[in-house]
Protein backbone atom coordinates (compact mmCIF):
# COMPACT_ATOMS: atom_id res chain seq x y z
CA MET A 1 -0.44 -0.14 0.12
CA THR A 2 3.06 2.32 0.07
CA ALA A 3 3.45 4.18 -3.01
CA PRO A 4 6.73 5.65 -4.30
CA PRO A 5 7.61 8.72 -3.39
CA GLY A 6 6.04 11.91 -4.78
CA GLN A 7 2.91 9.63 -5.95
CA ASP A 8 -0.38 10.24 -4.27
CA PRO A 9 -2.10 6.83 -2.86
CA THR A 10 -5.28 5.72 -5.39
CA PRO A 11 -8.53 6.05 -4.20
CA TRP A 12 -8.70 2.44 -4.04
CA GLU A 13 -5.77 2.28 -1.44
CA LEU A 14 -7.47 4.94 0.33
CA LEU A 15 -10.61 3.17 0.58
CA ARG A 16 -9.04 -0.12 1.41
CA ALA A 17 -6.99 1.79 4.32
CA MET A 18 -10.45 3.38 5.40
CA GLN A 19 -12.08 -0.36 5.43
CA GLN A 20 -8.99 -1.95 7.24
CA MET A 21 -9.49 1.32 10.18
CA ARG A 22 -13.68 0.54 10.23
CA ASP A 23 -12.98 -3.50 10.95
CA ASP A 24 -10.34 -2.63 13.38
CA LEU A 25 -12.47 0.13 15.38
CA ARG A 26 -15.20 -2.25 15.06
CA ALA A 27 -13.11 -5.00 16.69
CA ASP A 28 -12.21 -2.72 19.33
CA PHE A 29 -15.43 -1.38 20.09
CA ALA A 30 -16.38 -5.36 20.54
CA ALA A 31 -13.66 -5.89 22.73
CA PHE A 32 -14.74 -3.13 24.83
CA SER A 33 -18.45 -3.73 25.00
CA ALA A 34 -17.25 -7.49 26.35
CA ARG A 35 -15.13 -5.98 28.67
CA LEU A 36 -18.46 -3.46 29.79
CA ALA A 37 -20.52 -6.49 29.69
CA GLU A 38 -18.53 -8.25 32.53
CA MET A 39 -18.11 -5.02 34.66
CA VAL A 40 -20.81 -4.26 37.63
CA THR A 41 -22.51 -1.00 37.53
CA LYS A 42 -22.53 1.02 40.66
CA ILE A 43 -25.96 0.88 41.56
CA GLN A 44 -25.55 -3.32 41.75
CA TYR A 45 -22.21 -2.73 43.58
CA ASP A 46 -23.88 -0.21 45.99
CA ALA A 47 -26.84 -2.90 46.01
CA ASP A 48 -24.56 -5.36 47.10
CA ARG A 49 -22.75 -3.85 49.83
CA ARG A 50 -25.99 -2.87 51.71
CA THR A 51 -27.16 -6.41 51.37
CA ASP A 52 -23.63 -7.15 52.64
CA GLU A 53 -23.91 -4.73 55.66
CA VAL A 54 -27.49 -6.21 56.71
CA ARG A 55 -25.99 -9.44 56.63
CA ILE A 56 -23.40 -8.41 58.76
CA LYS A 57 -25.34 -6.93 60.91
CA ALA A 58 -27.54 -9.77 61.37
CA VAL A 59 -24.42 -11.79 62.19
CA GLU A 60 -23.42 -9.49 64.76
CA ASP A 61 -26.88 -9.41 66.27
CA ASP A 62 -26.90 -12.90 66.66
CA VAL A 63 -23.52 -13.00 68.17
CA ALA A 64 -24.43 -10.59 70.65
CA GLN A 65 -27.50 -12.56 72.02
CA MET A 66 -25.48 -15.53 72.03
CA GLN A 67 -23.37 -13.38 74.57
CA ARG A 68 -26.09 -12.15 76.88
CA GLU A 69 -27.41 -15.72 76.82
CA ARG A 70 -24.06 -17.39 78.11
CA GLU A 71 -23.47 -14.73 80.69
CA THR A 72 -27.29 -15.45 82.15
CA GLU A 73 -26.51 -19.16 81.76
CA ARG A 74 -23.49 -18.54 84.01
CA GLN A 75 -25.38 -16.38 86.69
CA GLU A 76 -27.64 -18.73 86.46
CA ALA A 77 -25.09 -21.90 87.05
CA ARG A 78 -23.82 -19.93 90.03
CA GLY A 79 -26.55 -19.17 91.43
CA VAL A 80 -27.37 -22.89 91.38
CA ARG A 81 -24.34 -23.91 92.68
CA ARG A 82 -24.44 -21.72 95.23
CA LEU A 83 -27.66 -23.21 96.48
CA ALA A 84 -26.42 -26.60 95.97
CA LEU A 85 -23.33 -25.64 98.41
CA THR A 86 -26.08 -24.23 101.03
CA ALA A 87 -28.22 -27.41 100.82
CA LEU A 88 -25.11 -29.48 101.93
CA VAL A 89 -23.32 -27.30 104.23
CA ALA A 90 -26.49 -26.12 106.19
CA PRO A 91 -27.64 -29.55 107.91
CA VAL A 92 -23.93 -30.08 108.67
CA VAL A 93 -23.55 -26.83 110.27
CA VAL A 94 -27.13 -27.64 112.19
CA GLY A 95 -25.86 -30.90 113.16
CA VAL A 96 -22.91 -29.60 114.75
CA ILE A 97 -24.85 -26.60 116.53
CA VAL A 98 -27.34 -29.05 117.41
CA ALA A 99 -24.61 -31.52 119.18
CA ILE A 100 -22.81 -28.59 120.75
CA VAL A 101 -26.07 -27.32 122.59
CA THR A 102 -27.22 -30.57 123.31
CA GLY A 103 -23.63 -31.60 124.58
CA LYS A 104 -23.52 -28.41 127.17
CA LEU A 105 -26.83 -28.91 128.40
CA GLY A 106 -25.89 -32.80 129.40
CA LEU A 107 -28.92 -34.44 127.44
């Protein structure tokens, strides 16, 4: 397609060059369109982000609820242990006191 120096290209050569440029542009636009089709819009991205934030908040709420329940169970277990200890120690103490009192009274 190169013309000798000093000679202008023929109209057919110009036409062929323009067709080649047009074909190249079409291929470039097709590749560009394919890449754009893979991209996520800002609206979709924001919606996905909000959805993720809602899910994370739900998980955080569940974890907080589980921690509260666990603390409540610990307090209940502590109360049960105190009650059991009292139930075991109180009769022994009462028996010792009765033995001391009856021993001092000489019965």
